[in-house]
Amino acid sequence: MDLAQISQRVSYTELVYQRVNKKLNIELSKPAIEALVQAVLSDATTTIERRGKNYYVSSVTRQVQLVVNAGNFRLITVNKL
């Protein structure tokens, strides 16, 4: 699996928008969160690792790590690096 495929298939739930804002301690709109995720997924310096049932997509540039379910491509959370 590569970043382009994840970028095309990533999906969001209502809960994940709240979780992202809470974990990053910011208040972004839904489109802004989706733009952040797409920016991380399109960055050439982003790394991806599959551990178990999740992809861990890390961006040193933006200092965040996306956790994406490998089965349904739902964004689970975003962690600060």
C-alpha atoms as a PDB file:
ATOM      1  CA  MET A   1       0.000   0.000   0.000  1.00  0.00           C
ATOM      2  CA  ASP A   2       1.323   3.436  -0.833  1.00  0.00           C
ATOM      3  CA  LEU A   3       0.415   6.956   0.249  1.00  0.00           C
ATOM      4  CA  ALA A   4      -1.467   7.754  -2.978  1.00  0.00           C
ATOM      5  CA  GLN A   5      -3.801   4.797  -2.476  1.00  0.00           C
ATOM      6  CA  ILE A   6      -4.457   5.755   1.142  1.00  0.00           C
ATOM      7  CA  SER A   7      -5.026   9.373   0.082  1.00  0.00           C
ATOM      8  CA  GLN A   8      -7.722   8.320  -2.373  1.00  0.00           C
ATOM      9  CA  ARG A   9      -9.478   5.959   0.033  1.00  0.00           C
ATOM     10  CA  VAL A  10      -9.195   7.653   3.446  1.00  0.00           C
ATOM     11  CA  SER A  11     -12.549   8.296   5.139  1.00  0.00           C
ATOM     12  CA  TYR A  12     -13.682  10.095   8.261  1.00  0.00           C
ATOM     13  CA  THR A  13     -16.289   9.658  11.002  1.00  0.00           C
ATOM     14  CA  GLU A  14     -17.924  12.416  13.025  1.00  0.00           C
ATOM     15  CA  LEU A  15     -16.031  11.267  16.107  1.00  0.00           C
ATOM     16  CA  VAL A  16     -12.621  11.493  14.444  1.00  0.00           C
ATOM     17  CA  TYR A  17     -12.985  15.236  13.762  1.00  0.00           C
ATOM     18  CA  GLN A  18     -13.490  15.840  17.484  1.00  0.00           C
ATOM     19  CA  ARG A  19     -10.651  13.455  18.362  1.00  0.00           C
ATOM     20  CA  VAL A  20      -8.188  15.198  16.028  1.00  0.00           C
ATOM     21  CA  ASN A  21      -8.951  18.616  17.513  1.00  0.00           C
ATOM     22  CA  LYS A  22      -8.619  17.243  21.041  1.00  0.00           C
ATOM     23  CA  LYS A  23      -5.377  15.331  20.407  1.00  0.00           C
ATOM     24  CA  LEU A  24      -3.699  18.246  18.611  1.00  0.00           C
ATOM     25  CA  ASN A  25      -5.176  20.802  21.016  1.00  0.00           C
ATOM     26  CA  ILE A  26      -6.526  22.941  18.155  1.00  0.00           C
ATOM     27  CA  GLU A  27      -9.917  23.838  16.715  1.00  0.00           C
ATOM     28  CA  LEU A  28      -9.995  23.016  13.010  1.00  0.00           C
ATOM     29  CA  SER A  29     -13.061  22.722  10.788  1.00  0.00           C
ATOM     30  CA  LYS A  30     -13.858  19.448   9.026  1.00  0.00           C
ATOM     31  CA  PRO A  31     -12.479  20.702   5.671  1.00  0.00           C
ATOM     32  CA  ALA A  32      -9.314  21.936   7.415  1.00  0.00           C
ATOM     33  CA  ILE A  33      -8.748  18.533   9.045  1.00  0.00           C
ATOM     34  CA  GLU A  34      -9.264  16.804   5.694  1.00  0.00           C
ATOM     35  CA  ALA A  35      -6.821  19.255   4.078  1.00  0.00           C
ATOM     36  CA  LEU A  36      -4.239  18.517   6.795  1.00  0.00           C
ATOM     37  CA  VAL A  37      -4.598  14.776   6.211  1.00  0.00           C
ATOM     38  CA  GLN A  38      -4.248  15.186   2.437  1.00  0.00           C
ATOM     39  CA  ALA A  39      -1.216  17.449   2.917  1.00  0.00           C
ATOM     40  CA  VAL A  40       0.480  14.812   5.083  1.00  0.00           C
ATOM     41  CA  LEU A  41      -0.362  12.053   2.600  1.00  0.00           C
ATOM     42  CA  SER A  42       0.986  14.038  -0.361  1.00  0.00           C
ATOM     43  CA  ASP A  43       4.236  15.148   1.314  1.00  0.00           C
ATOM     44  CA  ALA A  44       7.325  13.497  -0.172  1.00  0.00           C
ATOM     45  CA  THR A  45       8.988  13.228   3.260  1.00  0.00           C
ATOM     46  CA  THR A  46       6.070  11.329   4.829  1.00  0.00           C
ATOM     47  CA  THR A  47       6.793   7.760   5.947  1.00  0.00           C
ATOM     48  CA  ILE A  48       4.346   4.878   6.247  1.00  0.00           C
ATOM     49  CA  GLU A  49       4.487   1.738   8.359  1.00  0.00           C
ATOM     50  CA  ARG A  50       1.923  -1.007   8.770  1.00  0.00           C
ATOM     51  CA  ARG A  51       1.668  -2.447  12.272  1.00  0.00           C
ATOM     52  CA  GLY A  52      -1.092  -4.995  12.757  1.00  0.00           C
ATOM     53  CA  LYS A  53      -4.381  -3.669  11.415  1.00  0.00           C
ATOM     54  CA  ASN A  54      -3.286  -0.026  11.125  1.00  0.00           C
ATOM     55  CA  TYR A  55      -1.107   2.190   8.970  1.00  0.00           C
ATOM     56  CA  TYR A  56       1.019   4.722  10.838  1.00  0.00           C
ATOM     57  CA  VAL A  57       1.730   7.662   8.538  1.00  0.00           C
ATOM     58  CA  SER A  58       4.314  10.054   9.990  1.00  0.00           C
ATOM     59  CA  SER A  59       5.154  13.552   8.829  1.00  0.00           C
ATOM     60  CA  VAL A  60       8.233  15.096  10.410  1.00  0.00           C
ATOM     61  CA  THR A  61       7.498  18.315   8.488  1.00  0.00           C
ATOM     62  CA  ARG A  62       4.105  18.767  10.170  1.00  0.00           C
ATOM     63  CA  GLN A  63       5.039  16.923  13.383  1.00  0.00           C
ATOM     64  CA  VAL A  64       2.010  14.617  13.242  1.00  0.00           C
ATOM     65  CA  GLN A  65       1.298  10.918  12.835  1.00  0.00           C
ATOM     66  CA  LEU A  66      -1.915   9.696  11.223  1.00  0.00           C
ATOM     67  CA  VAL A  67      -3.333   6.345  12.299  1.00  0.00           C
ATOM     68  CA  VAL A  68      -5.437   4.804   9.516  1.00  0.00           C
ATOM     69  CA  ASN A  69      -7.287   1.479   9.681  1.00  0.00           C
ATOM     70  CA  ALA A  70      -5.798  -0.848   7.034  1.00  0.00           C
ATOM     71  CA  GLY A  71      -9.088  -2.637   6.382  1.00  0.00           C
ATOM     72  CA  ASN A  72     -11.509   0.224   5.741  1.00  0.00           C
ATOM     73  CA  PHE A  73      -9.091   3.201   5.466  1.00  0.00           C
ATOM     74  CA  ARG A  74     -10.866   5.200   8.172  1.00  0.00           C
ATOM     75  CA  LEU A  75      -8.782   7.775   9.945  1.00  0.00           C
ATOM     76  CA  ILE A  76      -8.605   6.659  13.581  1.00  0.00           C
ATOM     77  CA  THR A  77      -6.637   9.499  15.143  1.00  0.00           C
ATOM     78  CA  VAL A  78      -3.797  11.974  14.703  1.00  0.00           C
ATOM     79  CA  ASN A  79      -0.932  12.085  17.196  1.00  0.00           C
ATOM     80  CA  LYS A  80       1.677  14.778  17.781  1.00  0.00           C
ATOM     81  CA  LEU A  81       5.251  13.691  17.145  1.00  0.00           C
END
